[in-house]
PDB file of N, CA and C in Angstrom:
ATOM      1  N   MET A   1      40.211 -10.360 -30.664  1.00  0.00           N
ATOM      2  CA  MET A   1      41.652 -10.309 -30.511  1.00  0.00           C
ATOM      3  C   MET A   1      41.997  -9.568 -29.215  1.00  0.00           C
ATOM      4  N   PRO A   2      42.970 -10.062 -28.476  1.00  0.00           N
ATOM      5  CA  PRO A   2      43.382  -9.404 -27.232  1.00  0.00           C
ATOM      6  C   PRO A   2      44.142  -8.096 -27.497  1.00  0.00           C
ATOM      7  N   LEU A   3      44.099  -7.239 -26.519  1.00  0.00           N
ATOM      8  CA  LEU A   3      44.813  -5.963 -26.566  1.00  0.00           C
ATOM      9  C   LEU A   3      46.093  -6.111 -25.741  1.00  0.00           C
ATOM     10  N   TYR A   4      47.241  -5.823 -26.349  1.00  0.00           N
ATOM     11  CA  TYR A   4      48.537  -5.927 -25.671  1.00  0.00           C
ATOM     12  C   TYR A   4      49.182  -4.559 -25.565  1.00  0.00           C
ATOM     13  N   GLU A   5      49.936  -4.351 -24.491  1.00  0.00           N
ATOM     14  CA  GLU A   5      50.644  -3.083 -24.274  1.00  0.00           C
ATOM     15  C   GLU A   5      52.136  -3.298 -24.502  1.00  0.00           C
ATOM     16  N   TYR A   6      52.742  -2.341 -25.195  1.00  0.00           N
ATOM     17  CA  TYR A   6      54.169  -2.403 -25.519  1.00  0.00           C
ATOM     18  C   TYR A   6      54.862  -1.128 -25.057  1.00  0.00           C
ATOM     19  N   ALA A   7      56.179  -1.222 -24.866  1.00  0.00           N
ATOM     20  CA  ALA A   7      57.002  -0.059 -24.523  1.00  0.00           C
ATOM     21  C   ALA A   7      58.178  -0.023 -25.492  1.00  0.00           C
ATOM     22  N   CYS A   8      58.563   1.189 -25.894  1.00  0.00           N
ATOM     23  CA  CYS A   8      59.687   1.369 -26.804  1.00  0.00           C
ATOM     24  C   CYS A   8      60.969   1.525 -25.995  1.00  0.00           C
ATOM     25  N   ARG A   9      61.981   0.767 -26.343  1.00  0.00           N
ATOM     26  CA  ARG A   9      63.270   0.855 -25.653  1.00  0.00           C
ATOM     27  C   ARG A   9      64.046   2.097 -26.076  1.00  0.00           C
ATOM     28  N   GLU A  10      63.731   2.644 -27.241  1.00  0.00           N
ATOM     29  CA  GLU A  10      64.442   3.825 -27.745  1.00  0.00           C
ATOM     30  C   GLU A  10      63.927   5.124 -27.115  1.00  0.00           C
ATOM     31  N   CYS A  11      62.610   5.345 -27.200  1.00  0.00           N
ATOM     32  CA  CYS A  11      62.067   6.635 -26.737  1.00  0.00           C
ATOM     33  C   CYS A  11      61.222   6.533 -25.472  1.00  0.00           C
ATOM     34  N   GLY A  12      60.905   5.302 -25.026  1.00  0.00           N
ATOM     35  CA  GLY A  12      60.128   5.130 -23.794  1.00  0.00           C
ATOM     36  C   GLY A  12      58.622   5.237 -23.973  1.00  0.00           C
ATOM     37  N   ALA A  13      58.157   5.444 -25.194  1.00  0.00           N
ATOM     38  CA  ALA A  13      56.711   5.547 -25.434  1.00  0.00           C
ATOM     39  C   ALA A  13      56.028   4.223 -25.107  1.00  0.00           C
ATOM     40  N   ARG A  14      54.796   4.308 -24.624  1.00  0.00           N
ATOM     41  CA  ARG A  14      53.978   3.121 -24.372  1.00  0.00           C
ATOM     42  C   ARG A  14      52.779   3.200 -25.297  1.00  0.00           C
ATOM     43  N   PHE A  15      52.405   2.047 -25.871  1.00  0.00           N
ATOM     44  CA  PHE A  15      51.281   2.013 -26.799  1.00  0.00           C
ATOM     45  C   PHE A  15      50.634   0.634 -26.755  1.00  0.00           C
ATOM     46  N   GLU A  16      49.425   0.543 -27.300  1.00  0.00           N
ATOM     47  CA  GLU A  16      48.662  -0.702 -27.300  1.00  0.00           C
ATOM     48  C   GLU A  16      48.406  -1.152 -28.725  1.00  0.00           C
ATOM     49  N   ARG A  17      48.295  -2.462 -28.893  1.00  0.00           N
ATOM     50  CA  ARG A  17      47.978  -3.046 -30.193  1.00  0.00           C
ATOM     51  C   ARG A  17      47.058  -4.253 -29.985  1.00  0.00           C
ATOM     52  N   MET A  18      46.043  -4.376 -30.842  1.00  0.00           N
ATOM     53  CA  MET A  18      45.225  -5.581 -30.875  1.00  0.00           C
ATOM     54  C   MET A  18      45.945  -6.552 -31.796  1.00  0.00           C
ATOM     55  N   ARG A  19      46.273  -7.728 -31.246  1.00  0.00           N
ATOM     56  CA  ARG A  19      47.028  -8.699 -32.031  1.00  0.00           C
ATOM     57  C   ARG A  19      46.569 -10.106 -31.689  1.00  0.00           C
ATOM     58  N   LYS A  20      46.821 -11.004 -32.588  1.00  0.00           N
ATOM     59  CA  LYS A  20      46.581 -12.414 -32.302  1.00  0.00           C
ATOM     60  C   LYS A  20      47.532 -12.833 -31.181  1.00  0.00           C
ATOM     61  N   THR A  21      47.091 -13.750 -30.357  1.00  0.00           N
ATOM     62  CA  THR A  21      47.921 -14.224 -29.246  1.00  0.00           C
ATOM     63  C   THR A  21      49.258 -14.757 -29.753  1.00  0.00           C
ATOM     64  N   ALA A  22      49.243 -15.455 -30.868  1.00  0.00           N
ATOM     65  CA  ALA A  22      50.479 -16.026 -31.424  1.00  0.00           C
ATOM     66  C   ALA A  22      51.464 -14.948 -31.868  1.00  0.00           C
ATOM     67  N   ASP A  23      50.975 -13.749 -32.175  1.00  0.00           N
ATOM     68  CA  ASP A  23      51.833 -12.656 -32.657  1.00  0.00           C
ATOM     69  C   ASP A  23      52.270 -11.687 -31.566  1.00  0.00           C
ATOM     70  N   ARG A  24      51.876 -11.922 -30.335  1.00  0.00           N
ATOM     71  CA  ARG A  24      52.099 -10.952 -29.261  1.00  0.00           C
ATOM     72  C   ARG A  24      53.573 -10.656 -28.986  1.00  0.00           C
ATOM     73  N   LEU A  25      54.464 -11.619 -29.208  1.00  0.00           N
ATOM     74  CA  LEU A  25      55.876 -11.422 -28.885  1.00  0.00           C
ATOM     75  C   LEU A  25      56.679 -10.793 -30.024  1.00  0.00           C
ATOM     76  N   SER A  26      56.134 -10.773 -31.238  1.00  0.00           N
ATOM     77  CA  SER A  26      56.847 -10.107 -32.329  1.00  0.00           C
ATOM     78  C   SER A  26      56.745  -8.600 -32.107  1.00  0.00           C
ATOM     79  N   ALA A  27      57.875  -7.920 -32.226  1.00  0.00           N
ATOM     80  CA  ALA A  27      57.955  -6.499 -31.871  1.00  0.00           C
ATOM     81  C   ALA A  27      57.309  -5.602 -32.928  1.00  0.00           C
ATOM     82  N   PRO A  28      56.210  -4.910 -32.575  1.00  0.00           N
ATOM     83  CA  PRO A  28      55.632  -3.944 -33.507  1.00  0.00           C
ATOM     84  C   PRO A  28      56.467  -2.664 -33.491  1.00  0.00           C
ATOM     85  N   ALA A  29      56.434  -1.908 -34.566  1.00  0.00           N
ATOM     86  CA  ALA A  29      57.160  -0.640 -34.620  1.00  0.00           C
ATOM     87  C   ALA A  29      56.511   0.379 -33.690  1.00  0.00           C
ATOM     88  N   CYS A  30      57.326   1.186 -33.046  1.00  0.00           N
ATOM     89  CA  CYS A  30      56.844   2.243 -32.158  1.00  0.00           C
ATOM     90  C   CYS A  30      56.161   3.328 -32.999  1.00  0.00           C
ATOM     91  N   PRO A  31      54.954   3.736 -32.620  1.00  0.00           N
ATOM     92  CA  PRO A  31      54.271   4.780 -33.386  1.00  0.00           C
ATOM     93  C   PRO A  31      54.904   6.168 -33.193  1.00  0.00           C
ATOM     94  N   ALA A  32      55.664   6.354 -32.124  1.00  0.00           N
ATOM     95  CA  ALA A  32      56.264   7.668 -31.847  1.00  0.00           C
ATOM     96  C   ALA A  32      57.571   7.883 -32.602  1.00  0.00           C
ATOM     97  N   CYS A  33      58.444   6.853 -32.621  1.00  0.00           N
ATOM     98  CA  CYS A  33      59.767   7.039 -33.235  1.00  0.00           C
ATOM     99  C   CYS A  33      60.064   6.032 -34.350  1.00  0.00           C
ATOM    100  N   THR A  34      59.133   5.142 -34.629  1.00  0.00           N
ATOM    101  CA  THR A  34      59.222   4.077 -35.641  1.00  0.00           C
ATOM    102  C   THR A  34      60.297   3.022 -35.362  1.00  0.00           C
ATOM    103  N   SER A  35      60.869   3.006 -34.190  1.00  0.00           N
ATOM    104  CA  SER A  35      61.873   1.996 -33.827  1.00  0.00           C
ATOM    105  C   SER A  35      61.218   0.622 -33.732  1.00  0.00           C
ATOM    106  N   GLY A  36      61.940  -0.402 -34.057  1.00  0.00           N
ATOM    107  CA  GLY A  36      61.481  -1.772 -33.902  1.00  0.00           C
ATOM    108  C   GLY A  36      61.904  -2.370 -32.569  1.00  0.00           C
ATOM    109  N   GLU A  37      62.564  -1.567 -31.737  1.00  0.00           N
ATOM    110  CA  GLU A  37      63.041  -2.021 -30.428  1.00  0.00           C
ATOM    111  C   GLU A  37      61.947  -1.826 -29.376  1.00  0.00           C
ATOM    112  N   THR A  38      60.913  -2.639 -29.470  1.00  0.00           N
ATOM    113  CA  THR A  38      59.802  -2.557 -28.523  1.00  0.00           C
ATOM    114  C   THR A  38      59.686  -3.868 -27.769  1.00  0.00           C
ATOM    115  N   MET A  39      59.028  -3.817 -26.623  1.00  0.00           N
ATOM    116  CA  MET A  39      58.851  -5.026 -25.819  1.00  0.00           C
ATOM    117  C   MET A  39      57.451  -5.059 -25.228  1.00  0.00           C
ATOM    118  N   LEU A  40      56.954  -6.252 -25.051  1.00  0.00           N
ATOM    119  CA  LEU A  40      55.662  -6.477 -24.429  1.00  0.00           C
ATOM    120  C   LEU A  40      55.787  -6.180 -22.941  1.00  0.00           C
ATOM    121  N   VAL A  41      54.836  -5.430 -22.379  1.00  0.00           N
ATOM    122  CA  VAL A  41      54.873  -5.110 -20.949  1.00  0.00           C
ATOM    123  C   VAL A  41      53.570  -5.553 -20.296  1.00  0.00           C
ATOM    124  N   MET A  42      53.621  -5.750 -18.990  1.00  0.00           N
ATOM    125  CA  MET A  42      52.415  -6.065 -18.231  1.00  0.00           C
ATOM    126  C   MET A  42      51.601  -4.798 -18.103  1.00  0.00           C
ATOM    127  N   SER A  43      50.317  -4.911 -18.353  1.00  0.00           N
ATOM    128  CA  SER A  43      49.458  -3.746 -18.202  1.00  0.00           C
ATOM    129  C   SER A  43      48.443  -4.011 -17.105  1.00  0.00           C
ATOM    130  N   VAL A  44      47.871  -2.956 -16.614  1.00  0.00           N
ATOM    131  CA  VAL A  44      46.862  -3.048 -15.568  1.00  0.00           C
ATOM    132  C   VAL A  44      45.531  -3.386 -16.226  1.00  0.00           C
ATOM    133  N   THR A  45      44.829  -4.338 -15.661  1.00  0.00           N
ATOM    134  CA  THR A  45      43.530  -4.684 -16.218  1.00  0.00           C
ATOM    135  C   THR A  45      42.448  -3.846 -15.575  1.00  0.00           C
ATOM    136  N   GLY A  46      41.400  -3.606 -16.283  1.00  0.00           N
ATOM    137  CA  GLY A  46      40.284  -2.836 -15.766  1.00  0.00           C
ATOM    138  C   GLY A  46      39.136  -3.763 -15.424  1.00  0.00           C
ATOM    139  N   GLY A  47      38.320  -3.342 -14.507  1.00  0.00           N
ATOM    140  CA  GLY A  47      37.160  -4.123 -14.139  1.00  0.00           C
ATOM    141  C   GLY A  47      35.891  -3.463 -14.620  1.00  0.00           C
ATOM    142  N   VAL A  48      34.897  -4.257 -14.868  1.00  0.00           N
ATOM    143  CA  VAL A  48      33.604  -3.748 -15.302  1.00  0.00           C
ATOM    144  C   VAL A  48      32.581  -4.160 -14.267  1.00  0.00           C
ATOM    145  N   GLY A  49      31.752  -3.217 -13.858  1.00  0.00           N
ATOM    146  CA  GLY A  49      30.715  -3.531 -12.893  1.00  0.00           C
ATOM    147  C   GLY A  49      31.218  -3.369 -11.470  1.00  0.00           C
ATOM    148  N   GLY A  50      30.358  -3.612 -10.529  1.00  0.00           N
ATOM    149  CA  GLY A  50      30.736  -3.495  -9.127  1.00  0.00           C
ATOM    150  C   GLY A  50      30.733  -2.046  -8.671  1.00  0.00           C
ATOM    151  N   ALA A  51      30.716  -1.859  -7.389  1.00  0.00           N
ATOM    152  CA  ALA A  51      30.701  -0.519  -6.815  1.00  0.00           C
ATOM    153  C   ALA A  51      32.111   0.044  -6.729  1.00  0.00           C
ATOM    154  N   SER A  52      32.220   1.340  -6.895  1.00  0.00           N
ATOM    155  CA  SER A  52      33.512   1.992  -6.722  1.00  0.00           C
ATOM    156  C   SER A  52      33.817   2.090  -5.232  1.00  0.00           C
ATOM    157  N   ALA A  53      35.064   2.358  -4.912  1.00  0.00           N
ATOM    158  CA  ALA A  53      35.460   2.491  -3.509  1.00  0.00           C
ATOM    159  C   ALA A  53      34.691   3.627  -2.835  1.00  0.00           C
ATOM    160  N   ARG A  54      34.478   4.729  -3.562  1.00  0.00           N
ATOM    161  CA  ARG A  54      33.753   5.862  -2.987  1.00  0.00           C
ATOM    162  C   ARG A  54      32.302   5.484  -2.707  1.00  0.00           C
ATOM    163  N   ALA A  55      31.661   4.740  -3.636  1.00  0.00           N
ATOM    164  CA  ALA A  55      30.277   4.324  -3.436  1.00  0.00           C
ATOM    165  C   ALA A  55      30.181   3.340  -2.269  1.00  0.00           C
ATOM    166  N   ALA A  56      31.136   2.441  -2.161  1.00  0.00           N
ATOM    167  CA  ALA A  56      31.136   1.474  -1.060  1.00  0.00           C
ATOM    168  C   ALA A  56      31.329   2.177   0.279  1.00  0.00           C
ATOM    169  N   ALA A  57      32.170   3.209   0.320  1.00  0.00           N
ATOM    170  CA  ALA A  57      32.411   3.948   1.558  1.00  0.00           C
ATOM    171  C   ALA A  57      31.185   4.748   1.966  1.00  0.00           C
ATOM    172  N   ALA A  58      30.369   5.161   0.995  1.00  0.00           N
ATOM    173  CA  ALA A  58      29.187   5.966   1.288  1.00  0.00           C
ATOM    174  C   ALA A  58      27.988   5.104   1.686  1.00  0.00           C
ATOM    175  N   ALA A  59      28.082   3.782   1.512  1.00  0.00           N
ATOM    176  CA  ALA A  59      26.976   2.884   1.840  1.00  0.00           C
ATOM    177  C   ALA A  59      26.753   2.866   3.349  1.00  0.00           C
ATOM    178  N   PRO A  60      25.514   2.642   3.767  1.00  0.00           N
ATOM    179  CA  PRO A  60      25.242   2.596   5.207  1.00  0.00           C
ATOM    180  C   PRO A  60      25.952   1.417   5.860  1.00  0.00           C
ATOM    181  N   ALA A  61      26.395   1.633   7.092  1.00  0.00           N
ATOM    182  CA  ALA A  61      27.109   0.589   7.829  1.00  0.00           C
ATOM    183  C   ALA A  61      26.138  -0.466   8.319  1.00  0.00           C
ATOM    184  N   CYS A  62      26.598  -1.680   8.428  1.00  0.00           N
ATOM    185  CA  CYS A  62      25.790  -2.777   8.979  1.00  0.00           C
ATOM    186  C   CYS A  62      25.623  -2.572  10.478  1.00  0.00           C
ATOM    187  N   GLU A  63      24.632  -3.232  11.012  1.00  0.00           N
ATOM    188  CA  GLU A  63      24.464  -3.194  12.452  1.00  0.00           C
ATOM    189  C   GLU A  63      25.702  -3.796  13.094  1.00  0.00           C
ATOM    190  N   GLY A  64      26.184  -3.209  14.119  1.00  0.00           N
ATOM    191  CA  GLY A  64      27.375  -3.703  14.788  1.00  0.00           C
ATOM    192  C   GLY A  64      28.645  -3.042  14.272  1.00  0.00           C
ATOM    193  N   GLY A  65      28.501  -2.141  13.254  1.00  0.00           N
ATOM    194  CA  GLY A  65      29.660  -1.403  12.761  1.00  0.00           C
ATOM    195  C   GLY A  65      30.665  -2.227  11.997  1.00  0.00           C
ATOM    196  N   HIS A  66      30.205  -3.255  11.274  1.00  0.00           N
ATOM    197  CA  HIS A  66      31.136  -4.114  10.554  1.00  0.00           C
ATOM    198  C   HIS A  66      31.382  -3.661   9.110  1.00  0.00           C
ATOM    199  N   GLY A  67      30.969  -2.475   8.743  1.00  0.00           N
ATOM    200  CA  GLY A  67      31.229  -1.951   7.407  1.00  0.00           C
ATOM    201  C   GLY A  67      30.016  -2.061   6.506  1.00  0.00           C
ATOM    202  N   PRO A  68      30.197  -1.635   5.242  1.00  0.00           N
ATOM    203  CA  PRO A  68      29.072  -1.610   4.307  1.00  0.00           C
ATOM    204  C   PRO A  68      28.562  -3.011   3.967  1.00  0.00           C
ATOM    205  N   CYS A  69      27.274  -3.108   3.769  1.00  0.00           N
ATOM    206  CA  CYS A  69      26.694  -4.361   3.314  1.00  0.00           C
ATOM    207  C   CYS A  69      26.973  -4.510   1.826  1.00  0.00           C
ATOM    208  N   CYS A  70      26.977  -5.728   1.354  1.00  0.00           N
ATOM    209  CA  CYS A  70      27.185  -5.925  -0.075  1.00  0.00           C
ATOM    210  C   CYS A  70      26.007  -6.664  -0.671  1.00  0.00           C
ATOM    211  N   GLY A  71      25.730  -6.365  -1.916  1.00  0.00           N
ATOM    212  CA  GLY A  71      24.675  -7.060  -2.623  1.00  0.00           C
ATOM    213  C   GLY A  71      23.269  -6.666  -2.231  1.00  0.00           C
ATOM    214  N   GLY A  72      23.087  -5.703  -1.372  1.00  0.00           N
ATOM    215  CA  GLY A  72      21.765  -5.240  -0.999  1.00  0.00           C
ATOM    216  C   GLY A  72      21.014  -6.196  -0.073  1.00  0.00           C
ATOM    217  N   GLY A  73      21.643  -7.287   0.307  1.00  0.00           N
ATOM    218  CA  GLY A  73      20.988  -8.247   1.187  1.00  0.00           C
ATOM    219  C   GLY A  73      21.217  -7.921   2.642  1.00  0.00           C
ATOM    220  N   ALA A  74      20.847  -8.848   3.483  1.00  0.00           N
ATOM    221  CA  ALA A  74      21.013  -8.655   4.926  1.00  0.00           C
ATOM    222  C   ALA A  74      22.506  -8.737   5.290  1.00  0.00           C
ATOM    223  N   CYS A  75      22.855  -8.071   6.381  1.00  0.00           N
ATOM    224  CA  CYS A  75      24.235  -8.132   6.871  1.00  0.00           C
ATOM    225  C   CYS A  75      24.527  -9.532   7.360  1.00  0.00           C
ATOM    226  N   MET A  76      25.748  -9.947   7.138  1.00  0.00           N
ATOM    227  CA  MET A  76      26.141 -11.291   7.585  1.00  0.00           C
ATOM    228  C   MET A  76      27.123 -11.150   8.738  1.00  0.00           C
ATOM    229  N   ASN A  77      26.617 -10.716   9.867  1.00  0.00           N
ATOM    230  CA  ASN A  77      27.459 -10.511  11.057  1.00  0.00           C
ATOM    231  C   ASN A  77      27.714 -11.803  11.772  1.00  0.00           C
TER     232      ASN A  77
END
């Protein structure tokens, strides 16, 4: 089941709920104030895997100064 993020129009609380896709638009009660005046909001998605920006910045530069190499292979200058 997908995870959806909601916001309460009464108290401004934000919370998440695992719900069936078909049920995503029905307003769940706010856990903070129990109001039914909630709305579905866009949430930020997270990524799994890959290098962080700090790790990429710490990687050795390619020949010619074109930035960090990716994938551990040869530079593609």
